[in-house]
Amino acid sequence: TQQILAHESGVVNTADPLGGSYYVEDLTNRLEAAAQAYLDRIAAMGGAVRAVEQGFVQREIAEAAYRAQQAVERGERVVVGVNAFREAAQAPPEVLRVDPAVAEAQAEKLRRLRARRDAGRVAAALAAVREAAAEPGADLLPPILDAVRAYATLGEICGALREVFGEYRAPAEV
């Protein structure tokens, strides 16, 4: 806890951070000014929706994550337990693997479900999901619940929605 407070919180950047409000007020003012500058930048693009459509938000998130990771890897940003103050002999985490027998048992359960359900009812329920999805402002919950009650799978329901809405792909930018 002491290492995290000392190296990650910034509390040691001033002689007495809780001795008066100047330091806290200064941090607050700088944060507020930076946030306002950012909001002004987004407003100049035409607002949040335009910023998302132009890929600005995704780009900013990716760049910020990259800069933060680089700072950690260079040691400029200390993350206790990650790049400083690590345990000497930590075993690597165990890799999670799905037992092939479990996967096969689940696939068999799915085959049995599909064999015993009313295929016509499932098809009609999925058609109702697609129809509701195509109607602007329609409530999708009732047709989705009907599809679930007909024993449509999550994959089938999502597939019906993908047929109408498509699949989001983040713009590939370098």
Protein backbone atom coordinates (compact mmCIF):
# COMPACT_ATOMS: atom_id res chain seq x y z
CA THR A 1 0.00 0.00 0.00
CA GLN A 2 2.82 2.39 0.85
CA GLN A 3 4.52 1.73 -2.48
CA ILE A 4 1.28 2.30 -4.40
CA LEU A 5 0.63 5.57 -2.54
CA ALA A 6 4.20 6.72 -3.04
CA HIS A 7 4.62 5.77 -6.68
CA GLU A 8 1.19 5.72 -8.29
CA SER A 9 -0.95 8.35 -6.55
CA GLY A 10 1.34 11.38 -6.88
CA VAL A 11 0.91 12.13 -3.17
CA VAL A 12 4.69 12.49 -2.73
CA ASN A 13 4.90 15.21 -5.40
CA THR A 14 4.34 17.89 -2.76
CA ALA A 15 5.77 18.31 0.72
CA ASP A 16 2.40 18.32 2.49
CA PRO A 17 -0.46 17.41 0.12
CA LEU A 18 -3.08 17.55 2.86
CA GLY A 19 -1.63 20.54 4.70
CA GLY A 20 -3.73 23.01 2.78
CA SER A 21 -6.00 23.31 -0.16
CA TYR A 22 -3.52 24.98 -2.55
CA TYR A 23 -2.14 21.72 -3.95
CA VAL A 24 -5.55 20.07 -4.29
CA GLU A 25 -7.02 23.24 -5.82
CA ASP A 26 -4.13 23.45 -8.29
CA LEU A 27 -4.64 19.84 -9.35
CA THR A 28 -8.37 20.46 -9.71
CA ASN A 29 -7.83 23.61 -11.79
CA ARG A 30 -5.35 21.89 -14.10
CA LEU A 31 -7.67 18.91 -14.56
CA GLU A 32 -10.63 21.20 -15.26
CA ALA A 33 -8.66 23.25 -17.81
CA ALA A 34 -7.44 20.13 -19.61
CA ALA A 35 -10.93 18.62 -19.67
CA GLN A 36 -12.44 21.85 -21.00
CA ALA A 37 -9.80 22.07 -23.74
CA TYR A 38 -10.64 18.50 -24.73
CA LEU A 39 -14.38 19.21 -24.78
CA ASP A 40 -13.76 22.34 -26.88
CA ARG A 41 -11.75 20.25 -29.34
CA ILE A 42 -14.63 17.76 -29.65
CA ALA A 43 -17.15 20.59 -30.05
CA ALA A 44 -15.04 22.06 -32.86
CA MET A 45 -15.36 18.72 -34.70
CA GLY A 46 -19.14 19.02 -34.60
CA GLY A 47 -19.82 17.23 -31.33
CA ALA A 48 -19.38 13.79 -29.83
CA VAL A 49 -21.27 11.92 -32.54
CA ARG A 50 -19.13 13.45 -35.31
CA ALA A 51 -15.99 12.74 -33.28
CA VAL A 52 -16.96 9.05 -33.04
CA GLU A 53 -17.90 8.92 -36.74
CA GLN A 54 -14.52 10.41 -37.68
CA GLY A 55 -12.71 7.81 -35.58
CA PHE A 56 -11.35 10.47 -33.21
CA VAL A 57 -12.53 8.78 -30.00
CA GLN A 58 -11.18 5.35 -30.98
CA ARG A 59 -7.88 6.92 -32.08
CA GLU A 60 -7.53 8.87 -28.83
CA ILE A 61 -8.20 5.77 -26.73
CA ALA A 62 -5.68 3.70 -28.70
CA GLU A 63 -3.03 6.42 -28.56
CA ALA A 64 -3.53 7.04 -24.83
CA ALA A 65 -3.27 3.31 -24.09
CA TYR A 66 -0.12 3.10 -26.22
CA ARG A 67 1.49 6.11 -24.49
CA ALA A 68 0.60 4.74 -21.04
CA GLN A 69 2.05 1.31 -21.85
CA GLN A 70 5.22 2.83 -23.26
CA ALA A 71 5.65 4.91 -20.08
CA VAL A 72 5.27 1.77 -17.97
CA GLU A 73 7.74 -0.18 -20.11
CA ARG A 74 10.31 2.66 -20.00
CA GLY A 75 9.88 2.90 -16.22
CA GLU A 76 8.63 6.50 -16.43
CA ARG A 77 5.35 5.41 -14.85
CA VAL A 78 5.65 3.05 -11.93
CA VAL A 79 3.00 0.38 -11.51
CA VAL A 80 3.70 -1.46 -8.30
CA GLY A 81 3.94 -5.19 -8.90
CA VAL A 82 4.16 -4.77 -12.67
CA ASN A 83 7.35 -2.86 -13.43
CA ALA A 84 8.56 -2.19 -9.88
CA PHE A 85 8.49 -3.97 -6.52
CA ARG A 86 7.72 -7.33 -8.08
CA GLU A 87 7.95 -10.61 -6.23
CA ALA A 88 11.17 -12.33 -7.22
CA ALA A 89 9.95 -15.86 -7.88
CA GLN A 90 6.41 -15.59 -9.16
CA ALA A 91 5.22 -18.49 -11.23
CA PRO A 92 3.61 -17.52 -14.53
CA PRO A 93 -0.18 -17.72 -14.47
CA GLU A 94 -1.68 -21.01 -15.52
CA VAL A 95 -3.05 -20.94 -19.06
CA LEU A 96 -6.77 -21.63 -19.10
CA ARG A 97 -7.68 -24.40 -21.48
CA VAL A 98 -11.09 -25.86 -22.17
CA ASP A 99 -11.16 -29.61 -21.84
CA PRO A 100 -12.10 -31.00 -25.29
CA ALA A 101 -14.52 -33.39 -23.54
CA VAL A 102 -16.38 -30.42 -22.04
CA ALA A 103 -16.57 -28.73 -25.44
CA GLU A 104 -17.89 -31.92 -27.05
CA ALA A 105 -20.47 -32.41 -24.28
CA GLN A 106 -21.70 -28.84 -24.80
CA ALA A 107 -21.90 -29.36 -28.56
CA GLU A 108 -23.90 -32.55 -27.98
CA LYS A 109 -26.33 -30.69 -25.68
CA LEU A 110 -26.80 -28.11 -28.43
CA ARG A 111 -27.46 -30.84 -31.04
CA ARG A 112 -30.08 -32.43 -28.76
CA LEU A 113 -31.73 -29.06 -28.12
CA ARG A 114 -31.97 -28.31 -31.83
CA ALA A 115 -33.40 -31.77 -32.52
CA ARG A 116 -36.20 -31.53 -29.94
CA ARG A 117 -37.28 -27.88 -30.35
CA ASP A 118 -40.01 -26.71 -32.73
CA ALA A 119 -37.98 -25.52 -35.73
CA GLY A 120 -40.96 -23.64 -37.20
CA ARG A 121 -41.50 -21.74 -33.96
CA VAL A 122 -37.79 -20.86 -33.79
CA ALA A 123 -37.81 -19.64 -37.42
CA ALA A 124 -40.92 -17.51 -36.78
CA ALA A 125 -39.43 -16.04 -33.60
CA LEU A 126 -36.17 -15.17 -35.36
CA ALA A 127 -38.14 -13.59 -38.23
CA ALA A 128 -39.98 -11.47 -35.62
CA VAL A 129 -36.61 -10.38 -34.17
CA ARG A 130 -35.42 -9.35 -37.65
CA GLU A 131 -38.70 -7.53 -38.34
CA ALA A 132 -38.57 -5.59 -35.06
CA ALA A 133 -34.89 -4.74 -35.61
CA ALA A 134 -35.73 -3.30 -39.03
CA GLU A 135 -38.38 -1.01 -37.53
CA PRO A 136 -36.84 2.24 -36.19
CA GLY A 137 -37.48 2.67 -32.49
CA ALA A 138 -39.07 -0.75 -32.04
CA ASP A 139 -38.75 -2.50 -28.69
CA LEU A 140 -36.55 -5.54 -29.35
CA LEU A 141 -36.98 -7.13 -25.95
CA PRO A 142 -40.37 -8.85 -26.51
CA PRO A 143 -39.36 -10.60 -29.77
CA ILE A 144 -35.99 -11.57 -28.29
CA LEU A 145 -37.73 -13.07 -25.25
CA ASP A 146 -40.11 -14.96 -27.56
CA ALA A 147 -37.09 -16.32 -29.44
CA VAL A 148 -35.51 -17.43 -26.16
CA ARG A 149 -38.77 -19.12 -25.12
CA ALA A 150 -38.77 -20.93 -28.49
CA TYR A 151 -35.26 -22.18 -27.62
CA ALA A 152 -33.41 -20.10 -30.21
CA THR A 153 -29.75 -19.93 -29.26
CA LEU A 154 -27.89 -16.73 -28.43
CA GLY A 155 -25.89 -17.17 -31.61
CA GLU A 156 -29.05 -17.46 -33.70
CA ILE A 157 -30.58 -14.35 -32.10
CA CYS A 158 -27.38 -12.36 -32.58
CA GLY A 159 -27.21 -13.61 -36.18
CA ALA A 160 -30.74 -12.30 -36.82
CA LEU A 161 -29.73 -8.91 -35.42
CA ARG A 162 -26.53 -8.88 -37.49
CA GLU A 163 -28.59 -9.47 -40.63
CA VAL A 164 -30.38 -6.18 -39.97
CA PHE A 165 -27.77 -4.03 -38.26
CA GLY A 166 -24.58 -5.48 -39.70
CA GLU A 167 -21.46 -5.90 -37.63
CA TYR A 168 -19.50 -2.93 -36.29
CA ARG A 169 -15.93 -2.73 -37.45
CA ALA A 170 -13.73 -0.05 -35.96
CA PRO A 171 -12.00 1.94 -38.67
CA ALA A 172 -8.50 0.60 -39.23
CA GLU A 173 -6.17 3.53 -38.82
CA VAL A 174 -2.46 3.80 -38.37
